[in-house]
Amino acid sequence: MSRNTIILYKPEMKEIARKLRRNMTLSEVLLWQQIRKKTLGVQFHRQVPMVCFVVDFYCHELMLAIEVDGVSHDNPQNAVSDEERQKILESYGVSFIRIPDREVKQNLDGVMRYLEMKVGEMLR
């Protein structure tokens, strides 16, 4: 799949994505304030529907999803569904960066340095 490919999604996912945008977690809001407006050199969108899922942040240019994993992701059952979901989207060419919720809250500067490094590598 080439970069900038739009991944189709089930129509009902559009409304779910809208609701998620209106109800972002604190960590998602904090990270969004940092990565919006091409601060990493590429454009990210928030709560993007794909197939039958919604990813927290997505860059079409790099086909890169950033997921902020809160405490609900610590549940082993949710971890399995996250892994399955990620594998499905990776089959479409999407790369993932997963960031723990607490890391965004406690070390936002470190998270941004990490994202700058990873996005920089992908742009080369």
N, C-alpha and C. Protein backbone atom coordinates (compact mmCIF):
# COMPACT_ATOMS: atom_id res chain seq x y z
N MET A 1 0.83 -1.18 0.00
CA MET A 1 0.00 0.00 0.00
C MET A 1 0.88 1.25 0.00
N SER A 2 0.49 2.24 -0.77
CA SER A 2 1.29 3.46 -0.82
C SER A 2 0.91 4.39 0.32
N ARG A 3 1.81 5.28 0.62
CA ARG A 3 1.55 6.28 1.66
C ARG A 3 0.35 7.14 1.26
N ASN A 4 -0.28 7.75 2.26
CA ASN A 4 -1.45 8.60 2.06
C ASN A 4 -2.68 7.84 1.61
N THR A 5 -2.66 6.53 1.73
CA THR A 5 -3.82 5.72 1.37
C THR A 5 -4.91 5.92 2.41
N ILE A 6 -6.11 6.14 1.96
CA ILE A 6 -7.25 6.24 2.86
C ILE A 6 -7.74 4.82 3.12
N ILE A 7 -7.85 4.46 4.39
CA ILE A 7 -8.35 3.14 4.75
C ILE A 7 -9.84 3.28 5.01
N LEU A 8 -10.62 2.55 4.26
CA LEU A 8 -12.07 2.65 4.38
C LEU A 8 -12.54 2.13 5.73
N TYR A 9 -13.71 2.58 6.13
CA TYR A 9 -14.26 2.17 7.42
C TYR A 9 -15.76 2.00 7.31
N LYS A 10 -16.30 1.26 8.26
CA LYS A 10 -17.75 1.06 8.31
C LYS A 10 -18.40 2.40 8.63
N PRO A 11 -19.50 2.73 7.94
CA PRO A 11 -20.13 4.05 8.10
C PRO A 11 -20.45 4.42 9.55
N GLU A 12 -20.84 3.45 10.37
CA GLU A 12 -21.20 3.77 11.75
C GLU A 12 -20.00 4.23 12.58
N MET A 13 -18.80 3.97 12.09
CA MET A 13 -17.59 4.37 12.82
C MET A 13 -17.41 5.89 12.82
N LYS A 14 -17.97 6.58 11.85
CA LYS A 14 -17.83 8.03 11.76
C LYS A 14 -18.43 8.71 12.99
N GLU A 15 -19.62 8.29 13.38
CA GLU A 15 -20.27 8.89 14.56
C GLU A 15 -19.54 8.51 15.84
N ILE A 16 -19.06 7.29 15.91
CA ILE A 16 -18.28 6.87 17.09
C ILE A 16 -17.03 7.73 17.22
N ALA A 17 -16.35 7.98 16.11
CA ALA A 17 -15.15 8.82 16.13
C ALA A 17 -15.49 10.24 16.60
N ARG A 18 -16.61 10.78 16.13
CA ARG A 18 -17.03 12.12 16.58
C ARG A 18 -17.24 12.16 18.09
N LYS A 19 -17.91 11.14 18.62
CA LYS A 19 -18.14 11.08 20.07
C LYS A 19 -16.81 11.00 20.83
N LEU A 20 -15.89 10.20 20.32
CA LEU A 20 -14.59 10.08 20.97
C LEU A 20 -13.82 11.40 20.93
N ARG A 21 -13.95 12.16 19.84
CA ARG A 21 -13.29 13.47 19.76
C ARG A 21 -13.84 14.42 20.81
N ARG A 22 -15.14 14.33 21.06
CA ARG A 22 -15.76 15.21 22.06
C ARG A 22 -15.45 14.77 23.49
N ASN A 23 -15.00 13.54 23.67
CA ASN A 23 -14.78 12.99 25.01
C ASN A 23 -13.38 12.40 25.17
N MET A 24 -12.38 13.13 24.71
CA MET A 24 -11.01 12.64 24.80
C MET A 24 -10.55 12.59 26.26
N THR A 25 -9.67 11.64 26.56
CA THR A 25 -9.11 11.55 27.91
C THR A 25 -8.12 12.71 28.10
N LEU A 26 -7.75 12.96 29.35
CA LEU A 26 -6.79 14.02 29.64
C LEU A 26 -5.49 13.79 28.88
N SER A 27 -5.00 12.56 28.88
CA SER A 27 -3.74 12.26 28.18
C SER A 27 -3.86 12.51 26.68
N GLU A 28 -5.01 12.14 26.10
CA GLU A 28 -5.22 12.39 24.68
C GLU A 28 -5.24 13.88 24.39
N VAL A 29 -5.89 14.66 25.25
CA VAL A 29 -5.93 16.12 25.07
C VAL A 29 -4.53 16.70 25.16
N LEU A 30 -3.77 16.28 26.18
CA LEU A 30 -2.40 16.80 26.36
C LEU A 30 -1.54 16.49 25.15
N LEU A 31 -1.61 15.25 24.65
CA LEU A 31 -0.80 14.87 23.50
C LEU A 31 -1.28 15.60 22.25
N TRP A 32 -2.58 15.72 22.06
CA TRP A 32 -3.13 16.40 20.89
C TRP A 32 -2.65 17.85 20.83
N GLN A 33 -2.60 18.51 21.98
CA GLN A 33 -2.13 19.90 22.01
C GLN A 33 -0.69 20.00 21.52
N GLN A 34 0.07 18.92 21.69
CA GLN A 34 1.49 18.92 21.29
C GLN A 34 1.71 18.53 19.83
N ILE A 35 0.86 17.66 19.28
CA ILE A 35 1.16 17.13 17.93
C ILE A 35 0.32 17.76 16.82
N ARG A 36 -0.65 18.57 17.18
CA ARG A 36 -1.47 19.19 16.14
C ARG A 36 -0.68 20.27 15.41
N LYS A 37 -1.20 20.74 14.34
CA LYS A 37 -0.57 21.83 13.56
C LYS A 37 0.84 21.48 13.08
N LYS A 38 1.05 20.23 12.72
CA LYS A 38 2.31 19.77 12.12
C LYS A 38 3.54 20.03 12.98
N THR A 39 3.40 20.00 14.29
CA THR A 39 4.56 20.25 15.14
C THR A 39 5.63 19.18 15.00
N LEU A 40 5.25 17.98 14.52
CA LEU A 40 6.23 16.92 14.29
C LEU A 40 6.66 16.86 12.81
N GLY A 41 6.24 17.85 12.04
CA GLY A 41 6.60 17.91 10.62
C GLY A 41 5.61 17.22 9.70
N VAL A 42 4.61 16.58 10.27
CA VAL A 42 3.55 15.92 9.50
C VAL A 42 2.22 16.20 10.19
N GLN A 43 1.14 16.05 9.45
CA GLN A 43 -0.20 16.32 9.97
C GLN A 43 -0.80 15.08 10.62
N PHE A 44 -1.23 15.23 11.86
CA PHE A 44 -1.97 14.17 12.54
C PHE A 44 -3.43 14.57 12.66
N HIS A 45 -4.29 13.58 12.66
CA HIS A 45 -5.72 13.77 12.90
C HIS A 45 -6.07 12.96 14.14
N ARG A 46 -7.11 13.40 14.85
CA ARG A 46 -7.48 12.68 16.07
C ARG A 46 -8.72 11.84 15.87
N GLN A 47 -8.76 10.72 16.58
CA GLN A 47 -9.89 9.81 16.57
C GLN A 47 -10.32 9.49 15.13
N VAL A 48 -9.48 8.76 14.44
CA VAL A 48 -9.68 8.46 13.02
C VAL A 48 -10.27 7.05 12.85
N PRO A 49 -11.44 6.96 12.17
CA PRO A 49 -12.02 5.64 11.92
C PRO A 49 -11.26 4.90 10.83
N MET A 50 -11.07 3.59 11.06
CA MET A 50 -10.42 2.70 10.10
C MET A 50 -11.05 1.32 10.23
N VAL A 51 -11.49 0.76 9.14
CA VAL A 51 -12.12 -0.56 9.09
C VAL A 51 -13.30 -0.53 10.08
N CYS A 52 -13.17 -1.20 11.22
CA CYS A 52 -14.24 -1.15 12.24
C CYS A 52 -13.66 -0.71 13.58
N PHE A 53 -12.63 0.14 13.53
CA PHE A 53 -11.95 0.64 14.71
C PHE A 53 -11.78 2.15 14.62
N VAL A 54 -11.36 2.75 15.73
CA VAL A 54 -10.98 4.17 15.75
C VAL A 54 -9.63 4.25 16.44
N VAL A 55 -8.64 4.86 15.77
CA VAL A 55 -7.33 5.05 16.38
C VAL A 55 -7.26 6.45 16.97
N ASP A 56 -6.48 6.60 18.06
CA ASP A 56 -6.42 7.89 18.76
C ASP A 56 -5.91 9.00 17.85
N PHE A 57 -4.75 8.79 17.24
CA PHE A 57 -4.15 9.81 16.35
C PHE A 57 -3.60 9.10 15.13
N TYR A 58 -3.71 9.75 13.97
CA TYR A 58 -3.26 9.11 12.74
C TYR A 58 -2.67 10.12 11.78
N CYS A 59 -1.54 9.73 11.19
CA CYS A 59 -0.89 10.52 10.13
C CYS A 59 -1.03 9.75 8.83
N HIS A 60 -1.81 10.29 7.90
CA HIS A 60 -2.02 9.62 6.61
C HIS A 60 -0.71 9.53 5.81
N GLU A 61 0.09 10.58 5.88
CA GLU A 61 1.33 10.64 5.11
C GLU A 61 2.28 9.48 5.46
N LEU A 62 2.37 9.16 6.75
CA LEU A 62 3.27 8.10 7.21
C LEU A 62 2.54 6.78 7.46
N MET A 63 1.21 6.80 7.39
CA MET A 63 0.39 5.65 7.78
C MET A 63 0.79 5.20 9.18
N LEU A 64 0.82 6.19 10.09
CA LEU A 64 1.25 5.98 11.46
C LEU A 64 0.12 6.29 12.43
N ALA A 65 -0.19 5.33 13.28
CA ALA A 65 -1.18 5.52 14.35
C ALA A 65 -0.44 5.66 15.67
N ILE A 66 -0.89 6.60 16.49
CA ILE A 66 -0.40 6.73 17.85
C ILE A 66 -1.57 6.41 18.76
N GLU A 67 -1.35 5.45 19.64
CA GLU A 67 -2.38 5.03 20.59
C GLU A 67 -1.92 5.37 22.00
N VAL A 68 -2.78 6.02 22.77
CA VAL A 68 -2.52 6.30 24.17
C VAL A 68 -3.24 5.23 24.97
N ASP A 69 -2.48 4.40 25.66
CA ASP A 69 -3.03 3.26 26.39
C ASP A 69 -3.24 3.61 27.86
N GLY A 70 -4.50 3.70 28.26
CA GLY A 70 -4.85 3.97 29.65
C GLY A 70 -4.93 2.69 30.45
N VAL A 71 -5.45 2.79 31.67
CA VAL A 71 -5.49 1.64 32.57
C VAL A 71 -6.38 0.53 32.03
N SER A 72 -7.37 0.84 31.22
CA SER A 72 -8.22 -0.22 30.66
C SER A 72 -7.41 -1.16 29.77
N HIS A 73 -6.29 -0.68 29.24
CA HIS A 73 -5.45 -1.51 28.38
C HIS A 73 -4.60 -2.50 29.19
N ASP A 74 -4.55 -2.31 30.52
CA ASP A 74 -3.80 -3.22 31.39
C ASP A 74 -4.55 -4.53 31.61
N ASN A 75 -5.84 -4.52 31.38
CA ASN A 75 -6.66 -5.73 31.52
C ASN A 75 -6.22 -6.72 30.44
N PRO A 76 -5.86 -7.96 30.82
CA PRO A 76 -5.38 -8.94 29.83
C PRO A 76 -6.33 -9.16 28.66
N GLN A 77 -7.64 -9.13 28.92
CA GLN A 77 -8.61 -9.32 27.84
C GLN A 77 -8.55 -8.17 26.84
N ASN A 78 -8.43 -6.94 27.35
CA ASN A 78 -8.32 -5.77 26.46
C ASN A 78 -7.00 -5.78 25.72
N ALA A 79 -5.94 -6.25 26.38
CA ALA A 79 -4.63 -6.30 25.73
C ALA A 79 -4.68 -7.22 24.51
N VAL A 80 -5.40 -8.35 24.63
CA VAL A 80 -5.53 -9.27 23.49
C VAL A 80 -6.30 -8.59 22.36
N SER A 81 -7.41 -7.92 22.68
CA SER A 81 -8.19 -7.27 21.62
C SER A 81 -7.40 -6.12 20.99
N ASP A 82 -6.59 -5.39 21.80
CA ASP A 82 -5.73 -4.33 21.25
C ASP A 82 -4.73 -4.93 20.27
N GLU A 83 -4.15 -6.07 20.64
CA GLU A 83 -3.16 -6.73 19.79
C GLU A 83 -3.80 -7.21 18.48
N GLU A 84 -4.98 -7.80 18.57
CA GLU A 84 -5.69 -8.26 17.37
C GLU A 84 -6.05 -7.09 16.46
N ARG A 85 -6.55 -6.04 17.07
CA ARG A 85 -6.92 -4.83 16.32
C ARG A 85 -5.70 -4.25 15.62
N GLN A 86 -4.58 -4.18 16.35
CA GLN A 86 -3.35 -3.65 15.77
C GLN A 86 -2.90 -4.52 14.59
N LYS A 87 -2.95 -5.83 14.74
CA LYS A 87 -2.53 -6.72 13.64
C LYS A 87 -3.39 -6.52 12.40
N ILE A 88 -4.69 -6.35 12.59
CA ILE A 88 -5.59 -6.12 11.46
C ILE A 88 -5.19 -4.83 10.74
N LEU A 89 -4.99 -3.76 11.49
CA LEU A 89 -4.63 -2.49 10.86
C LEU A 89 -3.23 -2.52 10.26
N GLU A 90 -2.32 -3.26 10.88
CA GLU A 90 -0.98 -3.40 10.30
C GLU A 90 -1.05 -4.12 8.96
N SER A 91 -2.03 -5.00 8.79
CA SER A 91 -2.17 -5.69 7.50
C SER A 91 -2.55 -4.71 6.38
N TYR A 92 -3.03 -3.53 6.75
CA TYR A 92 -3.32 -2.47 5.78
C TYR A 92 -2.13 -1.54 5.59
N GLY A 93 -1.04 -1.81 6.29
CA GLY A 93 0.16 -0.99 6.16
C GLY A 93 0.33 0.06 7.24
N VAL A 94 -0.52 0.06 8.25
CA VAL A 94 -0.44 1.04 9.33
C VAL A 94 0.63 0.62 10.34
N SER A 95 1.48 1.57 10.72
CA SER A 95 2.46 1.36 11.80
C SER A 95 1.88 1.94 13.08
N PHE A 96 2.31 1.41 14.21
CA PHE A 96 1.78 1.84 15.50
C PHE A 96 2.89 2.30 16.44
N ILE A 97 2.58 3.32 17.20
CA ILE A 97 3.35 3.71 18.37
C ILE A 97 2.35 3.70 19.52
N ARG A 98 2.65 2.94 20.56
CA ARG A 98 1.77 2.87 21.73
C ARG A 98 2.47 3.60 22.88
N ILE A 99 1.73 4.49 23.53
CA ILE A 99 2.28 5.28 24.63
C ILE A 99 1.38 5.10 25.85
N PRO A 100 1.96 4.73 26.98
CA PRO A 100 1.14 4.61 28.19
C PRO A 100 0.58 5.97 28.62
N ASP A 101 -0.65 5.97 29.03
CA ASP A 101 -1.36 7.16 29.52
C ASP A 101 -0.55 7.89 30.58
N ARG A 102 -0.03 7.15 31.55
CA ARG A 102 0.72 7.77 32.65
C ARG A 102 1.99 8.46 32.15
N GLU A 103 2.58 7.93 31.08
CA GLU A 103 3.80 8.52 30.52
C GLU A 103 3.49 9.91 29.94
N VAL A 104 2.34 10.04 29.28
CA VAL A 104 1.93 11.34 28.73
C VAL A 104 1.76 12.34 29.87
N LYS A 105 1.12 11.90 30.96
CA LYS A 105 0.86 12.80 32.10
C LYS A 105 2.13 13.14 32.87
N GLN A 106 3.05 12.20 32.99
CA GLN A 106 4.21 12.40 33.85
C GLN A 106 5.48 12.82 33.11
N ASN A 107 5.54 12.57 31.80
CA ASN A 107 6.78 12.84 31.06
C ASN A 107 6.47 13.27 29.63
N LEU A 108 5.65 14.29 29.47
CA LEU A 108 5.24 14.72 28.14
C LEU A 108 6.43 15.15 27.28
N ASP A 109 7.41 15.82 27.88
CA ASP A 109 8.60 16.22 27.11
C ASP A 109 9.33 15.00 26.56
N GLY A 110 9.48 13.97 27.38
CA GLY A 110 10.13 12.74 26.93
C GLY A 110 9.34 12.05 25.84
N VAL A 111 8.02 12.04 25.97
CA VAL A 111 7.15 11.45 24.94
C VAL A 111 7.33 12.21 23.62
N MET A 112 7.39 13.53 23.70
CA MET A 112 7.55 14.32 22.47
C MET A 112 8.92 14.09 21.83
N ARG A 113 9.96 13.97 22.63
CA ARG A 113 11.29 13.67 22.07
C ARG A 113 11.28 12.32 21.36
N TYR A 114 10.64 11.33 21.99
CA TYR A 114 10.52 10.00 21.38
C TYR A 114 9.75 10.07 20.07
N LEU A 115 8.62 10.77 20.06
CA LEU A 115 7.83 10.89 18.83
C LEU A 115 8.59 11.63 17.74
N GLU A 116 9.31 12.68 18.11
CA GLU A 116 10.14 13.40 17.12
C GLU A 116 11.16 12.46 16.49
N MET A 117 11.79 11.63 17.32
CA MET A 117 12.79 10.68 16.82
C MET A 117 12.13 9.67 15.87
N LYS A 118 11.01 9.06 16.30
CA LYS A 118 10.35 8.02 15.50
C LYS A 118 9.82 8.59 14.19
N VAL A 119 9.18 9.76 14.23
CA VAL A 119 8.66 10.38 13.00
C VAL A 119 9.83 10.77 12.09
N GLY A 120 10.90 11.29 12.67
CA GLY A 120 12.08 11.64 11.88
C GLY A 120 12.64 10.44 11.15
N GLU A 121 12.70 9.29 11.83
CA GLU A 121 13.16 8.05 11.19
C GLU A 121 12.26 7.67 10.03
N MET A 122 10.96 7.83 10.22
CA MET A 122 10.01 7.43 9.17
C MET A 122 10.05 8.37 7.97
N LEU A 123 10.43 9.62 8.20
CA LEU A 123 10.51 10.59 7.10
C LEU A 123 11.75 10.41 6.25
N ARG A 124 12.76 9.72 6.78
CA ARG A 124 14.02 9.51 6.02
C ARG A 124 13.83 8.50 4.93
